[in-house]
Amino acid sequence: MSRLAENLTSVKARIALAAKNAGRDPESIQLIAVSKTKPVEDVYAALESGQRDFGENYLQDALQKIQDIQTRDVIWHFIGPIQSNKTRSIAESFDWVQTLDREKIARRLNDQRPEDMSPLNVCIQINLDEEESKSGIVLEQALALGKLVETLPRLRLRGLMFIPAPQENSAARLETCQRAQQQFQEFKQEFPDCDTLSLGMSSDLEEAIAAGSTMVRIGTDIFGERH
């Protein structure tokens, strides 16, 4: 078994154990392998180990991988900040966008999504701790943006995405993830069809699952440190 395959097996075991400890079904938690900055060979290796969902932050790097692997059954998630001049390529190439945070971007993604493709799945990114260094909006703005997205036929509103501020210990990480879950539940009161809480990375996977995350985004623990 290759190093990457071993890493994937280890991460899936962590997800299964965290789910068991939380009294949840491991199948209810979707693993996104964050392949940003990694070569296409690493994506192929993950594919050979059964991984199908991949997250990318950098558009040009991602587009090359998507072109190289276009014949494979892969689901691509855009998880980076979105600039207006990049929306067409994102709308034409990705299955999910997890970092929607502006009305202008929502309208552009909708207008530029090809009609022969299924609607683009979108999560609205919440800046939970209102960090200046991170993208995202507060819950009140997300509620208004969600109402707009529901009027756009080429987009499908799926839920919320969070990148919490780093915390020093497990108790603090759990408290932060629980705040994210609370905001997700408030969001679902307005949008009951939403089914996705994208929360949890290599450093807080267990706490995110304990708090109810349905989608974890793991990069380092699968692919190793980024260059």
C-alpha atoms as a PDB file:
ATOM      1  CA  MET A   1       0.000   0.000   0.000  1.00  0.00           C
ATOM      2  CA  SER A   2       1.341   3.454  -0.941  1.00  0.00           C
ATOM      3  CA  ARG A   3       1.934   6.189   1.625  1.00  0.00           C
ATOM      4  CA  LEU A   4      -1.033   8.147   0.300  1.00  0.00           C
ATOM      5  CA  ALA A   5      -3.297   5.106   0.430  1.00  0.00           C
ATOM      6  CA  GLU A   6      -2.191   4.509   4.022  1.00  0.00           C
ATOM      7  CA  ASN A   7      -2.955   8.131   4.869  1.00  0.00           C
ATOM      8  CA  LEU A   8      -6.425   7.867   3.360  1.00  0.00           C
ATOM      9  CA  THR A   9      -7.107   4.681   5.305  1.00  0.00           C
ATOM     10  CA  SER A  10      -5.944   6.388   8.498  1.00  0.00           C
ATOM     11  CA  VAL A  11      -8.166   9.444   7.928  1.00  0.00           C
ATOM     12  CA  LYS A  12     -11.190   7.250   7.193  1.00  0.00           C
ATOM     13  CA  ALA A  13     -10.506   5.347  10.399  1.00  0.00           C
ATOM     14  CA  ARG A  14     -10.408   8.642  12.326  1.00  0.00           C
ATOM     15  CA  ILE A  15     -13.744   9.624  10.786  1.00  0.00           C
ATOM     16  CA  ALA A  16     -15.280   6.264  11.671  1.00  0.00           C
ATOM     17  CA  LEU A  17     -14.044   6.417  15.270  1.00  0.00           C
ATOM     18  CA  ALA A  18     -15.173  10.028  15.720  1.00  0.00           C
ATOM     19  CA  ALA A  19     -18.576   9.142  14.323  1.00  0.00           C
ATOM     20  CA  LYS A  20     -18.875   6.125  16.626  1.00  0.00           C
ATOM     21  CA  ASN A  21     -17.962   8.251  19.652  1.00  0.00           C
ATOM     22  CA  ALA A  22     -20.621  10.776  18.629  1.00  0.00           C
ATOM     23  CA  GLY A  23     -23.257   8.097  18.056  1.00  0.00           C
ATOM     24  CA  ARG A  24     -23.356   8.855  14.330  1.00  0.00           C
ATOM     25  CA  ASP A  25     -23.210   6.832  11.132  1.00  0.00           C
ATOM     26  CA  PRO A  26     -19.776   7.275   9.466  1.00  0.00           C
ATOM     27  CA  GLU A  27     -21.541   7.196   6.098  1.00  0.00           C
ATOM     28  CA  SER A  28     -23.238  10.491   7.010  1.00  0.00           C
ATOM     29  CA  ILE A  29     -19.863  12.267   6.854  1.00  0.00           C
ATOM     30  CA  GLN A  30     -18.385  13.065   3.454  1.00  0.00           C
ATOM     31  CA  LEU A  31     -14.607  13.261   3.041  1.00  0.00           C
ATOM     32  CA  ILE A  32     -13.198  15.960   0.750  1.00  0.00           C
ATOM     33  CA  ALA A  33      -9.529  15.377  -0.075  1.00  0.00           C
ATOM     34  CA  VAL A  34      -7.966  18.837  -0.355  1.00  0.00           C
ATOM     35  CA  SER A  35      -5.508  18.424  -3.213  1.00  0.00           C
ATOM     36  CA  LYS A  36      -4.513  22.082  -3.643  1.00  0.00           C
ATOM     37  CA  THR A  37      -0.847  22.590  -4.625  1.00  0.00           C
ATOM     38  CA  LYS A  38      -0.414  18.829  -5.031  1.00  0.00           C
ATOM     39  CA  PRO A  39       0.486  17.210  -8.379  1.00  0.00           C
ATOM     40  CA  VAL A  40      -2.054  15.374 -10.466  1.00  0.00           C
ATOM     41  CA  GLU A  41      -0.219  12.127  -9.725  1.00  0.00           C
ATOM     42  CA  ASP A  42      -1.322  12.422  -6.090  1.00  0.00           C
ATOM     43  CA  VAL A  43      -4.930  12.833  -7.189  1.00  0.00           C
ATOM     44  CA  TYR A  44      -4.620   9.709  -9.342  1.00  0.00           C
ATOM     45  CA  ALA A  45      -3.208   7.806  -6.360  1.00  0.00           C
ATOM     46  CA  ALA A  46      -6.147   8.908  -4.206  1.00  0.00           C
ATOM     47  CA  LEU A  47      -8.553   7.903  -6.979  1.00  0.00           C
ATOM     48  CA  GLU A  48      -7.015   4.442  -7.077  1.00  0.00           C
ATOM     49  CA  SER A  49      -7.736   4.196  -3.340  1.00  0.00           C
ATOM     50  CA  GLY A  50     -11.411   4.991  -3.878  1.00  0.00           C
ATOM     51  CA  GLN A  51     -11.483   8.732  -3.113  1.00  0.00           C
ATOM     52  CA  ARG A  52     -13.844  10.693  -5.391  1.00  0.00           C
ATOM     53  CA  ASP A  53     -14.319  14.177  -3.864  1.00  0.00           C
ATOM     54  CA  PHE A  54     -11.460  16.668  -4.175  1.00  0.00           C
ATOM     55  CA  GLY A  55     -11.125  20.259  -2.988  1.00  0.00           C
ATOM     56  CA  GLU A  56      -9.110  22.929  -4.788  1.00  0.00           C
ATOM     57  CA  ASN A  57      -8.296  26.537  -3.831  1.00  0.00           C
ATOM     58  CA  TYR A  58      -6.256  27.727  -6.807  1.00  0.00           C
ATOM     59  CA  LEU A  59      -8.153  27.896 -10.061  1.00  0.00           C
ATOM     60  CA  GLN A  60      -5.398  27.528 -12.664  1.00  0.00           C
ATOM     61  CA  ASP A  61      -3.848  24.600 -10.837  1.00  0.00           C
ATOM     62  CA  ALA A  62      -7.281  22.995 -10.485  1.00  0.00           C
ATOM     63  CA  LEU A  63      -8.253  23.464 -14.123  1.00  0.00           C
ATOM     64  CA  GLN A  64      -5.160  21.597 -15.274  1.00  0.00           C
ATOM     65  CA  LYS A  65      -6.038  18.672 -13.003  1.00  0.00           C
ATOM     66  CA  ILE A  66      -9.667  18.678 -14.125  1.00  0.00           C
ATOM     67  CA  GLN A  67      -8.539  18.585 -17.761  1.00  0.00           C
ATOM     68  CA  ASP A  68      -6.095  15.749 -17.084  1.00  0.00           C
ATOM     69  CA  ILE A  69      -8.637  13.643 -15.153  1.00  0.00           C
ATOM     70  CA  GLN A  70     -11.773  14.498 -17.098  1.00  0.00           C
ATOM     71  CA  THR A  71     -12.532  10.896 -18.004  1.00  0.00           C
ATOM     72  CA  ARG A  72     -12.673   9.815 -14.343  1.00  0.00           C
ATOM     73  CA  ASP A  73     -15.657   9.876 -11.989  1.00  0.00           C
ATOM     74  CA  VAL A  74     -14.477  12.821  -9.875  1.00  0.00           C
ATOM     75  CA  ILE A  75     -16.424  15.451  -7.930  1.00  0.00           C
ATOM     76  CA  TRP A  76     -14.601  18.776  -7.754  1.00  0.00           C
ATOM     77  CA  HIS A  77     -15.170  21.288  -4.939  1.00  0.00           C
ATOM     78  CA  PHE A  78     -13.914  24.868  -5.215  1.00  0.00           C
ATOM     79  CA  ILE A  79     -12.919  25.913  -1.688  1.00  0.00           C
ATOM     80  CA  GLY A  80     -10.946  29.122  -2.256  1.00  0.00           C
ATOM     81  CA  PRO A  81     -11.855  32.815  -2.393  1.00  0.00           C
ATOM     82  CA  ILE A  82     -13.736  33.678  -5.595  1.00  0.00           C
ATOM     83  CA  GLN A  83     -12.765  36.622  -7.774  1.00  0.00           C
ATOM     84  CA  SER A  84     -15.248  37.970 -10.303  1.00  0.00           C
ATOM     85  CA  ASN A  85     -12.963  37.259 -13.243  1.00  0.00           C
ATOM     86  CA  LYS A  86     -12.748  33.569 -12.258  1.00  0.00           C
ATOM     87  CA  THR A  87     -16.462  32.783 -12.013  1.00  0.00           C
ATOM     88  CA  ARG A  88     -16.932  31.511 -15.567  1.00  0.00           C
ATOM     89  CA  SER A  89     -14.205  28.892 -15.276  1.00  0.00           C
ATOM     90  CA  ILE A  90     -15.513  27.829 -11.869  1.00  0.00           C
ATOM     91  CA  ALA A  91     -19.104  27.614 -13.116  1.00  0.00           C
ATOM     92  CA  GLU A  92     -18.037  25.550 -16.132  1.00  0.00           C
ATOM     93  CA  SER A  93     -15.674  23.158 -14.344  1.00  0.00           C
ATOM     94  CA  PHE A  94     -16.721  22.465 -10.749  1.00  0.00           C
ATOM     95  CA  ASP A  95     -19.505  20.452  -9.144  1.00  0.00           C
ATOM     96  CA  TRP A  96     -19.490  22.369  -5.851  1.00  0.00           C
ATOM     97  CA  VAL A  97     -18.568  25.862  -4.668  1.00  0.00           C
ATOM     98  CA  GLN A  98     -18.106  26.062  -0.899  1.00  0.00           C
ATOM     99  CA  THR A  99     -17.002  29.681  -0.573  1.00  0.00           C
ATOM    100  CA  LEU A 100     -19.900  31.780  -1.826  1.00  0.00           C
ATOM    101  CA  ASP A 101     -20.090  35.058   0.099  1.00  0.00           C
ATOM    102  CA  ARG A 102     -21.422  37.751  -2.259  1.00  0.00           C
ATOM    103  CA  GLU A 103     -24.561  38.387  -4.310  1.00  0.00           C
ATOM    104  CA  LYS A 104     -22.511  39.444  -7.337  1.00  0.00           C
ATOM    105  CA  ILE A 105     -20.636  36.139  -7.361  1.00  0.00           C
ATOM    106  CA  ALA A 106     -23.870  34.161  -6.964  1.00  0.00           C
ATOM    107  CA  ARG A 107     -25.443  35.868  -9.963  1.00  0.00           C
ATOM    108  CA  ARG A 108     -22.345  35.388 -12.111  1.00  0.00           C
ATOM    109  CA  LEU A 109     -22.043  31.693 -11.225  1.00  0.00           C
ATOM    110  CA  ASN A 110     -25.709  31.199 -12.053  1.00  0.00           C
ATOM    111  CA  ASP A 111     -25.547  33.062 -15.360  1.00  0.00           C
ATOM    112  CA  GLN A 112     -22.338  31.293 -16.425  1.00  0.00           C
ATOM    113  CA  ARG A 113     -23.299  27.737 -15.423  1.00  0.00           C
ATOM    114  CA  PRO A 114     -23.796  25.759 -18.665  1.00  0.00           C
ATOM    115  CA  GLU A 115     -27.381  24.639 -19.141  1.00  0.00           C
ATOM    116  CA  ASP A 116     -26.321  21.119 -20.062  1.00  0.00           C
ATOM    117  CA  MET A 117     -24.769  20.680 -16.608  1.00  0.00           C
ATOM    118  CA  SER A 118     -26.686  20.031 -13.405  1.00  0.00           C
ATOM    119  CA  PRO A 119     -27.126  23.038 -11.095  1.00  0.00           C
ATOM    120  CA  LEU A 120     -23.967  24.040  -9.244  1.00  0.00           C
ATOM    121  CA  ASN A 121     -24.045  22.973  -5.583  1.00  0.00           C
ATOM    122  CA  VAL A 122     -23.162  25.912  -3.344  1.00  0.00           C
ATOM    123  CA  CYS A 123     -22.367  26.447   0.315  1.00  0.00           C
ATOM    124  CA  ILE A 124     -22.213  29.916   1.811  1.00  0.00           C
ATOM    125  CA  GLN A 125     -19.016  30.584   3.723  1.00  0.00           C
ATOM    126  CA  ILE A 126     -19.443  31.935   7.237  1.00  0.00           C
ATOM    127  CA  ASN A 127     -16.628  33.861   8.936  1.00  0.00           C
ATOM    128  CA  LEU A 128     -17.454  32.505  12.387  1.00  0.00           C
ATOM    129  CA  ASP A 129     -14.996  34.610  14.352  1.00  0.00           C
ATOM    130  CA  GLU A 130     -15.112  37.593  11.956  1.00  0.00           C
ATOM    131  CA  GLU A 131     -11.390  37.294  11.204  1.00  0.00           C
ATOM    132  CA  GLU A 132     -10.115  39.968   8.840  1.00  0.00           C
ATOM    133  CA  SER A 133      -7.739  37.492   7.205  1.00  0.00           C
ATOM    134  CA  LYS A 134     -10.542  35.160   6.087  1.00  0.00           C
ATOM    135  CA  SER A 135     -13.331  35.338   3.558  1.00  0.00           C
ATOM    136  CA  GLY A 136     -16.930  34.752   4.512  1.00  0.00           C
ATOM    137  CA  ILE A 137     -19.874  36.617   5.960  1.00  0.00           C
ATOM    138  CA  VAL A 138     -21.917  36.612   9.159  1.00  0.00           C
ATOM    139  CA  LEU A 139     -25.076  34.554   9.565  1.00  0.00           C
ATOM    140  CA  GLU A 140     -27.494  37.447   9.021  1.00  0.00           C
ATOM    141  CA  GLN A 141     -25.896  38.198   5.646  1.00  0.00           C
ATOM    142  CA  ALA A 142     -25.892  34.480   4.791  1.00  0.00           C
ATOM    143  CA  LEU A 143     -29.638  34.297   5.337  1.00  0.00           C
ATOM    144  CA  ALA A 144     -30.196  37.113   2.836  1.00  0.00           C
ATOM    145  CA  LEU A 145     -27.757  35.559   0.361  1.00  0.00           C
ATOM    146  CA  GLY A 146     -29.442  32.181   0.733  1.00  0.00           C
ATOM    147  CA  LYS A 147     -32.802  33.694  -0.222  1.00  0.00           C
ATOM    148  CA  LEU A 148     -31.226  35.081  -3.386  1.00  0.00           C
ATOM    149  CA  VAL A 149     -29.584  31.753  -4.268  1.00  0.00           C
ATOM    150  CA  GLU A 150     -32.936  30.002  -4.028  1.00  0.00           C
ATOM    151  CA  THR A 151     -34.206  32.223  -6.877  1.00  0.00           C
ATOM    152  CA  LEU A 152     -31.299  31.311  -9.175  1.00  0.00           C
ATOM    153  CA  PRO A 153     -32.133  28.208 -11.247  1.00  0.00           C
ATOM    154  CA  ARG A 154     -28.550  27.177 -12.077  1.00  0.00           C
ATOM    155  CA  LEU A 155     -27.496  27.072  -8.405  1.00  0.00           C
ATOM    156  CA  ARG A 156     -28.535  24.633  -5.677  1.00  0.00           C
ATOM    157  CA  LEU A 157     -28.187  25.835  -2.094  1.00  0.00           C
ATOM    158  CA  ARG A 158     -26.692  23.018   0.007  1.00  0.00           C
ATOM    159  CA  GLY A 159     -25.614  24.600   3.308  1.00  0.00           C
ATOM    160  CA  LEU A 160     -22.818  26.418   5.118  1.00  0.00           C
ATOM    161  CA  MET A 161     -19.038  26.184   5.178  1.00  0.00           C
ATOM    162  CA  PHE A 162     -16.797  27.231   8.079  1.00  0.00           C
ATOM    163  CA  ILE A 163     -13.053  27.664   8.626  1.00  0.00           C
ATOM    164  CA  PRO A 164     -12.845  28.262  12.403  1.00  0.00           C
ATOM    165  CA  ALA A 165      -9.971  30.117  14.004  1.00  0.00           C
ATOM    166  CA  PRO A 166      -7.248  27.793  15.351  1.00  0.00           C
ATOM    167  CA  GLN A 167      -7.685  26.792  18.989  1.00  0.00           C
ATOM    168  CA  GLU A 168      -5.118  25.492  21.468  1.00  0.00           C
ATOM    169  CA  ASN A 169      -7.032  22.535  22.897  1.00  0.00           C
ATOM    170  CA  SER A 170      -9.813  20.096  22.104  1.00  0.00           C
ATOM    171  CA  ALA A 171     -12.360  21.693  24.433  1.00  0.00           C
ATOM    172  CA  ALA A 172     -11.948  25.077  22.731  1.00  0.00           C
ATOM    173  CA  ARG A 173     -12.126  23.482  19.277  1.00  0.00           C
ATOM    174  CA  LEU A 174     -15.319  21.653  20.232  1.00  0.00           C
ATOM    175  CA  GLU A 175     -16.916  24.844  21.544  1.00  0.00           C
ATOM    176  CA  THR A 176     -16.107  26.612  18.285  1.00  0.00           C
ATOM    177  CA  CYS A 177     -17.511  23.757  16.199  1.00  0.00           C
ATOM    178  CA  GLN A 178     -20.654  23.719  18.318  1.00  0.00           C
ATOM    179  CA  ARG A 179     -21.151  27.423  17.593  1.00  0.00           C
ATOM    180  CA  ALA A 180     -20.903  26.616  13.892  1.00  0.00           C
ATOM    181  CA  GLN A 181     -23.493  23.858  14.304  1.00  0.00           C
ATOM    182  CA  GLN A 182     -25.822  26.257  16.104  1.00  0.00           C
ATOM    183  CA  GLN A 183     -25.581  28.732  13.225  1.00  0.00           C
ATOM    184  CA  PHE A 184     -26.203  25.922  10.751  1.00  0.00           C
ATOM    185  CA  GLN A 185     -29.371  24.951  12.623  1.00  0.00           C
ATOM    186  CA  GLU A 186     -30.563  28.569  12.529  1.00  0.00           C
ATOM    187  CA  PHE A 187     -29.858  28.603   8.796  1.00  0.00           C
ATOM    188  CA  LYS A 188     -31.823  25.370   8.307  1.00  0.00           C
ATOM    189  CA  GLN A 189     -34.871  26.946   9.923  1.00  0.00           C
ATOM    190  CA  GLU A 190     -34.999  29.248   6.890  1.00  0.00           C
ATOM    191  CA  PHE A 191     -33.744  26.659   4.390  1.00  0.00           C
ATOM    192  CA  PRO A 192     -34.898  23.218   5.582  1.00  0.00           C
ATOM    193  CA  ASP A 193     -33.714  21.453   2.423  1.00  0.00           C
ATOM    194  CA  CYS A 194     -30.071  22.298   3.174  1.00  0.00           C
ATOM    195  CA  ASP A 195     -28.136  19.193   4.165  1.00  0.00           C
ATOM    196  CA  THR A 196     -24.472  20.229   4.300  1.00  0.00           C
ATOM    197  CA  LEU A 197     -22.388  21.527   7.189  1.00  0.00           C
ATOM    198  CA  SER A 198     -18.850  21.719   5.781  1.00  0.00           C
ATOM    199  CA  LEU A 199     -16.717  21.915   8.896  1.00  0.00           C
ATOM    200  CA  GLY A 200     -13.517  20.240  10.023  1.00  0.00           C
ATOM    201  CA  MET A 201      -9.950  19.880   8.777  1.00  0.00           C
ATOM    202  CA  SER A 202      -6.937  17.800   9.765  1.00  0.00           C
ATOM    203  CA  SER A 203      -6.536  19.614  13.085  1.00  0.00           C
ATOM    204  CA  ASP A 204     -10.168  19.542  14.275  1.00  0.00           C
ATOM    205  CA  LEU A 205     -11.768  16.598  12.478  1.00  0.00           C
ATOM    206  CA  GLU A 206     -12.921  14.866  15.678  1.00  0.00           C
ATOM    207  CA  GLU A 207     -14.434  17.971  17.227  1.00  0.00           C
ATOM    208  CA  ALA A 208     -16.224  18.869  13.989  1.00  0.00           C
ATOM    209  CA  ILE A 209     -17.818  15.428  13.741  1.00  0.00           C
ATOM    210  CA  ALA A 210     -18.807  15.535  17.415  1.00  0.00           C
ATOM    211  CA  ALA A 211     -20.540  18.842  16.679  1.00  0.00           C
ATOM    212  CA  GLY A 212     -22.441  17.428  13.694  1.00  0.00           C
ATOM    213  CA  SER A 213     -20.361  18.175  10.601  1.00  0.00           C
ATOM    214  CA  THR A 214     -21.522  16.370   7.462  1.00  0.00           C
ATOM    215  CA  MET A 215     -18.449  17.195   5.355  1.00  0.00           C
ATOM    216  CA  VAL A 216     -14.789  17.379   6.390  1.00  0.00           C
ATOM    217  CA  ARG A 217     -12.007  18.839   4.247  1.00  0.00           C
ATOM    218  CA  ILE A 218      -8.699  17.067   4.818  1.00  0.00           C
ATOM    219  CA  GLY A 219      -5.462  18.005   3.054  1.00  0.00           C
ATOM    220  CA  THR A 220      -2.302  17.634   5.106  1.00  0.00           C
ATOM    221  CA  ASP A 221      -3.185  14.318   6.719  1.00  0.00           C
ATOM    222  CA  ILE A 222      -3.824  12.786   3.279  1.00  0.00           C
ATOM    223  CA  PHE A 223      -1.295  14.436   0.980  1.00  0.00           C
ATOM    224  CA  GLY A 224       1.328  15.631   3.446  1.00  0.00           C
ATOM    225  CA  GLU A 225       2.595  19.140   4.057  1.00  0.00           C
ATOM    226  CA  ARG A 226       2.019  21.634   1.264  1.00  0.00           C
ATOM    227  CA  HIS A 227       4.927  23.105  -0.658  1.00  0.00           C
END
